[in-house]
Amino acid sequence: MVTFIICVKHYKNCHSYNDIWHLLENTLVSVCGQLDDRFEVIVVSNKTLNTFSDNKKIKNVKFIEVNWPAPSLPNNWQINTQVTKSIVRPQVRLDKGTKYILALSEVDDDNYVMIVDADDFIHRDLVRTIHNSNKDFLRINKGIQMGIDDSFKHIDNFDKKCGTCNITKASILKEQINFKNVNLSSSQNTIIRSTQKFYLIKVIGSHVFSWKYFNYKGYEGEDIDFRAAIYNCSHNEQLSGKANLKYSQKISKSMKLHFNI
């Protein structure tokens, strides 16, 4: 089984939470459009607007709602500066990391876990590819970046740019977490205390260091051999500074079919 975990941005830290939920619905349609049905989806948010029960393309999804404070963001959080990054990223990663750990408490140890950003898309063959692997963890290091008007470009080193990139056995992810006091009613502070700060912010709450970290720990990984994810930069809820960009190539009908867009 593959468990996809999706963390939704706090409703106080977005321009429009309705837009955030619309982006989430599109992502869920993509994730749930897998050709292999051996998957489940866990969505963690501070407010649940819709469980999409009327959308027949969305299935096997569990929603978890928490009542945690919003990460502290500066007023100019859209501006892509080093100062803004240094303030925003640790707070956002801590928030994401605690939500991911909460979701992990509901995941069987034998599952593979993939963290998916709440606005991205994944290839419909991804679950089948994961089940055909015998590695401890996999990564998407070649992907697609989507801009406005269905434009796109191919990007390499995808795992350094987009959080929708790492797939890891749940048992491995859980090794550095003490789940003794972690359950669906746990406070955020309780979850913060369940693991080391480095692991929470740099490995669980981020994506850049995962490959190096698990390689260092002696686990065996491999790259997925096709462009299996789309980094969605077509909207203004992007925190990365890559919002509303336009590229020279146009997404084709076959690409939309492969990614359930």
Protein backbone atom coordinates (compact mmCIF):
# COMPACT_ATOMS: atom_id res chain seq x y z
CA MET A 1 0.00 0.00 0.00
CA VAL A 2 1.11 3.57 -0.73
CA THR A 3 -0.01 6.36 1.60
CA PHE A 4 -0.05 9.88 0.18
CA ILE A 5 0.07 12.56 2.88
CA ILE A 6 -1.06 16.08 2.01
CA CYS A 7 -0.69 19.05 4.35
CA VAL A 8 -2.93 22.06 3.64
CA LYS A 9 -1.65 25.58 4.26
CA HIS A 10 -3.14 27.32 7.31
CA TYR A 11 -6.21 29.36 6.41
CA LYS A 12 -4.68 32.46 8.01
CA ASN A 13 -1.63 32.29 5.73
CA CYS A 14 -3.24 32.39 2.30
CA HIS A 15 -4.93 34.92 0.07
CA SER A 16 -8.06 32.79 -0.38
CA TYR A 17 -8.74 29.58 1.50
CA ASN A 18 -11.46 28.74 -1.01
CA ASP A 19 -8.80 28.88 -3.73
CA ILE A 20 -6.54 26.66 -1.62
CA TRP A 21 -9.32 24.10 -1.36
CA HIS A 22 -9.94 24.26 -5.11
CA LEU A 23 -6.25 23.57 -5.72
CA LEU A 24 -6.47 20.67 -3.26
CA GLU A 25 -9.42 19.18 -5.14
CA ASN A 26 -7.42 19.23 -8.38
CA THR A 27 -4.49 17.58 -6.62
CA LEU A 28 -6.71 14.88 -5.14
CA VAL A 29 -8.19 14.14 -8.57
CA SER A 30 -4.62 13.67 -9.85
CA VAL A 31 -3.51 11.52 -6.93
CA CYS A 32 -6.65 9.37 -6.94
CA GLY A 33 -6.43 8.77 -10.69
CA GLN A 34 -3.80 6.07 -10.22
CA LEU A 35 -3.98 3.01 -12.46
CA ASP A 36 -3.12 0.90 -9.40
CA ASP A 37 -5.68 1.22 -6.58
CA ARG A 38 -3.34 0.12 -3.78
CA PHE A 39 -3.17 3.54 -2.17
CA GLU A 40 -4.75 5.76 0.46
CA VAL A 41 -4.65 9.53 0.99
CA ILE A 42 -4.46 11.43 4.28
CA VAL A 43 -5.17 15.18 4.24
CA VAL A 44 -4.27 17.26 7.31
CA SER A 45 -5.65 20.79 7.60
CA ASN A 46 -6.67 23.40 10.15
CA LYS A 47 -10.09 23.77 8.57
CA THR A 48 -11.96 21.34 6.35
CA LEU A 49 -14.13 23.10 3.79
CA ASN A 50 -15.15 20.07 1.75
CA THR A 51 -14.52 16.32 1.70
CA PHE A 52 -15.41 16.15 -2.01
CA SER A 53 -17.87 13.31 -1.53
CA ASP A 54 -19.69 14.47 -4.68
CA ASN A 55 -16.54 14.14 -6.82
CA LYS A 56 -16.47 10.53 -8.04
CA LYS A 57 -12.83 10.87 -9.10
CA ILE A 58 -11.74 11.28 -5.46
CA LYS A 59 -11.52 8.11 -3.35
CA ASN A 60 -9.68 6.48 -0.44
CA VAL A 61 -9.19 9.86 1.29
CA LYS A 62 -9.16 10.49 5.04
CA PHE A 63 -9.36 14.05 6.39
CA ILE A 64 -7.74 15.02 9.69
CA GLU A 65 -8.51 18.45 11.14
CA VAL A 66 -6.29 20.11 13.75
CA ASN A 67 -6.63 23.31 15.73
CA TRP A 68 -3.08 24.58 15.72
CA PRO A 69 -1.76 28.15 15.43
CA ALA A 70 -0.73 29.53 12.06
CA PRO A 71 3.01 29.69 11.27
CA SER A 72 4.24 33.21 11.81
CA LEU A 73 4.78 34.92 8.44
CA PRO A 74 5.99 38.44 7.63
CA ASN A 75 3.60 40.84 5.89
CA ASN A 76 5.60 40.62 2.65
CA TRP A 77 5.73 36.82 2.60
CA GLN A 78 5.29 36.69 -1.18
CA ILE A 79 8.59 38.43 -1.81
CA ASN A 80 11.30 35.92 -2.67
CA THR A 81 14.21 37.32 -0.62
CA GLN A 82 16.75 35.59 1.58
CA VAL A 83 15.38 37.47 4.61
CA THR A 84 11.86 36.28 3.92
CA LYS A 85 13.08 32.72 3.33
CA SER A 86 15.03 32.67 6.59
CA ILE A 87 11.94 33.78 8.53
CA VAL A 88 9.29 31.79 6.71
CA ARG A 89 10.82 28.43 5.94
CA PRO A 90 11.61 27.15 9.48
CA GLN A 91 8.11 28.10 10.66
CA VAL A 92 6.38 26.53 7.66
CA ARG A 93 8.53 23.39 7.81
CA LEU A 94 7.81 22.94 11.51
CA ASP A 95 4.09 23.26 10.82
CA LYS A 96 4.28 20.79 7.94
CA GLY A 97 6.48 18.40 9.88
CA THR A 98 4.11 18.16 12.83
CA LYS A 99 1.14 17.57 10.51
CA TYR A 100 3.04 14.87 8.64
CA ILE A 101 3.97 13.14 11.90
CA LEU A 102 0.33 13.24 13.00
CA ALA A 103 -0.66 11.57 9.73
CA LEU A 104 2.15 9.03 10.06
CA SER A 105 0.65 7.87 13.35
CA GLU A 106 -2.24 6.51 11.24
CA VAL A 107 -0.06 4.72 8.65
CA ASP A 108 0.89 1.03 8.69
CA ASP A 109 4.61 0.41 8.99
CA ASP A 110 4.65 -1.70 5.82
CA ASN A 111 3.33 1.12 3.62
CA TYR A 112 5.33 3.40 1.40
CA VAL A 113 4.70 7.07 2.19
CA MET A 114 4.78 9.94 -0.28
CA ILE A 115 4.33 13.53 0.83
CA VAL A 116 2.48 15.51 -1.83
CA ASP A 117 2.15 19.29 -1.87
CA ALA A 118 -1.51 20.35 -1.88
CA ASP A 119 -1.34 21.98 -5.33
CA ASP A 120 0.81 19.54 -7.33
CA PHE A 121 0.06 16.63 -9.69
CA ILE A 122 1.47 13.12 -9.95
CA HIS A 123 1.67 10.63 -12.83
CA ARG A 124 -1.01 7.94 -12.91
CA ASP A 125 1.64 5.17 -13.06
CA LEU A 126 3.37 6.23 -9.85
CA VAL A 127 1.72 3.77 -7.43
CA ARG A 128 2.38 0.87 -9.80
CA THR A 129 6.02 1.96 -10.12
CA ILE A 130 6.42 2.15 -6.34
CA HIS A 131 4.98 -1.34 -5.85
CA ASN A 132 7.39 -2.71 -8.46
CA SER A 133 10.36 -1.42 -6.44
CA ASN A 134 12.11 -3.23 -3.61
CA LYS A 135 14.09 -0.21 -2.42
CA ASP A 136 13.80 1.52 0.96
CA PHE A 137 13.08 4.88 -0.62
CA LEU A 138 12.62 6.44 -4.04
CA ARG A 139 12.80 9.95 -5.37
CA ILE A 140 11.59 11.93 -8.34
CA ASN A 141 14.64 13.83 -9.56
CA LYS A 142 13.26 14.70 -12.98
CA GLY A 143 9.90 16.43 -13.19
CA ILE A 144 7.82 19.16 -14.75
CA GLN A 145 7.18 22.74 -13.66
CA MET A 146 3.79 24.13 -14.70
CA GLY A 147 3.03 27.82 -15.19
CA ILE A 148 0.01 29.82 -16.24
CA ASP A 149 -2.01 29.09 -19.39
CA ASP A 150 -1.04 25.40 -19.34
CA SER A 151 2.61 26.23 -19.98
CA PHE A 152 5.43 24.05 -18.67
CA LYS A 153 9.12 23.27 -18.69
CA HIS A 154 11.11 20.16 -17.79
CA ILE A 155 13.25 20.49 -14.68
CA ASP A 156 16.03 18.29 -13.33
CA ASN A 157 17.08 18.06 -9.68
CA PHE A 158 13.34 18.07 -9.04
CA ASP A 159 13.73 16.95 -5.41
CA LYS A 160 15.63 20.13 -4.63
CA LYS A 161 12.82 22.34 -5.96
CA CYS A 162 9.51 20.63 -5.20
CA GLY A 163 8.22 18.82 -2.12
CA THR A 164 6.29 16.27 -4.19
CA CYS A 165 9.34 14.10 -4.72
CA ASN A 166 10.17 11.55 -2.00
CA ILE A 167 8.70 8.10 -1.35
CA THR A 168 9.90 6.27 1.76
CA LYS A 169 8.91 3.18 3.70
CA ALA A 170 6.81 4.24 6.69
CA SER A 171 8.86 2.09 9.07
CA ILE A 172 11.98 4.06 8.13
CA LEU A 173 10.31 7.45 8.49
CA LYS A 174 9.00 6.45 11.92
CA GLU A 175 12.36 5.30 13.33
CA GLN A 176 13.30 8.75 14.66
CA ILE A 177 9.82 9.52 16.06
CA ASN A 178 8.45 8.54 19.48
CA PHE A 179 4.76 7.81 18.87
CA LYS A 180 4.02 6.93 22.51
CA ASN A 181 2.01 10.12 23.11
CA VAL A 182 1.11 10.95 19.49
CA ASN A 183 -2.52 10.49 18.47
CA LEU A 184 -5.18 12.47 16.61
CA SER A 185 -5.93 14.59 19.69
CA SER A 186 -2.28 15.47 20.40
CA SER A 187 -1.22 19.09 20.68
CA GLN A 188 1.33 20.45 18.25
CA ASN A 189 3.83 20.86 21.11
CA THR A 190 3.47 17.19 22.01
CA ILE A 191 4.32 16.24 18.44
CA ILE A 192 7.25 18.66 18.37
CA ARG A 193 8.65 16.85 21.43
CA SER A 194 8.27 13.46 19.71
CA THR A 195 11.45 13.84 17.66
CA GLN A 196 14.62 15.86 17.23
CA LYS A 197 14.30 19.37 15.81
CA PHE A 198 16.62 18.60 12.91
CA TYR A 199 14.59 15.57 11.87
CA LEU A 200 11.30 17.43 12.23
CA ILE A 201 12.28 20.49 10.18
CA LYS A 202 14.92 19.20 7.77
CA VAL A 203 13.72 15.67 6.96
CA ILE A 204 10.00 15.37 7.71
CA GLY A 205 9.06 19.01 7.21
CA SER A 206 11.26 19.52 4.17
CA HIS A 207 12.41 17.55 1.14
CA VAL A 208 15.86 18.84 0.23
CA PHE A 209 17.90 16.70 2.65
CA SER A 210 15.90 13.45 2.61
CA TRP A 211 17.96 11.68 -0.05
CA LYS A 212 21.27 12.48 1.67
CA TYR A 213 19.87 11.69 5.11
CA PHE A 214 18.58 8.21 4.30
CA ASN A 215 21.65 7.39 2.21
CA TYR A 216 23.78 8.37 5.21
CA LYS A 217 21.68 6.05 7.37
CA GLY A 218 22.56 3.19 5.04
CA TYR A 219 19.23 2.70 3.30
CA GLU A 220 19.03 1.85 -0.37
CA GLY A 221 17.25 4.22 -2.74
CA GLU A 222 16.64 4.67 -6.43
CA ASP A 223 15.43 7.34 -8.84
CA ILE A 224 12.13 6.95 -10.62
CA ASP A 225 13.00 6.72 -14.31
CA PHE A 226 10.35 9.05 -15.73
CA ARG A 227 8.99 12.53 -15.03
CA ALA A 228 6.46 11.52 -12.40
CA ALA A 229 5.35 14.81 -10.81
CA ILE A 230 4.31 18.34 -11.75
CA TYR A 231 5.32 21.33 -9.63
CA ASN A 232 2.38 23.71 -9.93
CA CYS A 233 3.52 27.35 -10.17
CA SER A 234 0.40 28.62 -11.93
CA HIS A 235 -1.21 30.45 -8.99
CA ASN A 236 -0.49 33.18 -6.45
CA GLU A 237 -0.67 30.99 -3.34
CA GLN A 238 2.92 29.92 -4.02
CA LEU A 239 5.27 30.67 -1.13
CA SER A 240 8.38 29.99 -3.21
CA GLY A 241 8.37 33.16 -5.30
CA LYS A 242 7.61 31.17 -8.48
CA ALA A 243 3.95 32.19 -8.74
CA ASN A 244 2.19 32.88 -12.04
CA LEU A 245 5.15 32.13 -14.29
CA LYS A 246 4.78 31.34 -18.00
CA TYR A 247 6.94 29.03 -20.08
CA SER A 248 7.38 28.43 -23.81
CA GLN A 249 5.95 24.89 -24.05
CA LYS A 250 2.28 23.97 -23.77
CA ILE A 251 0.93 20.99 -21.81
CA SER A 252 -0.52 18.46 -24.26
CA LYS A 253 -3.71 16.42 -23.99
CA SER A 254 -1.67 13.27 -23.38
CA MET A 255 0.20 14.93 -20.50
CA LYS A 256 -3.10 15.99 -18.95
CA LEU A 257 -4.32 12.41 -19.27
CA HIS A 258 -1.17 10.97 -17.66
CA PHE A 259 -1.40 13.37 -14.72
CA ASN A 260 -5.22 13.50 -14.44
CA ILE A 261 -5.30 17.26 -14.84
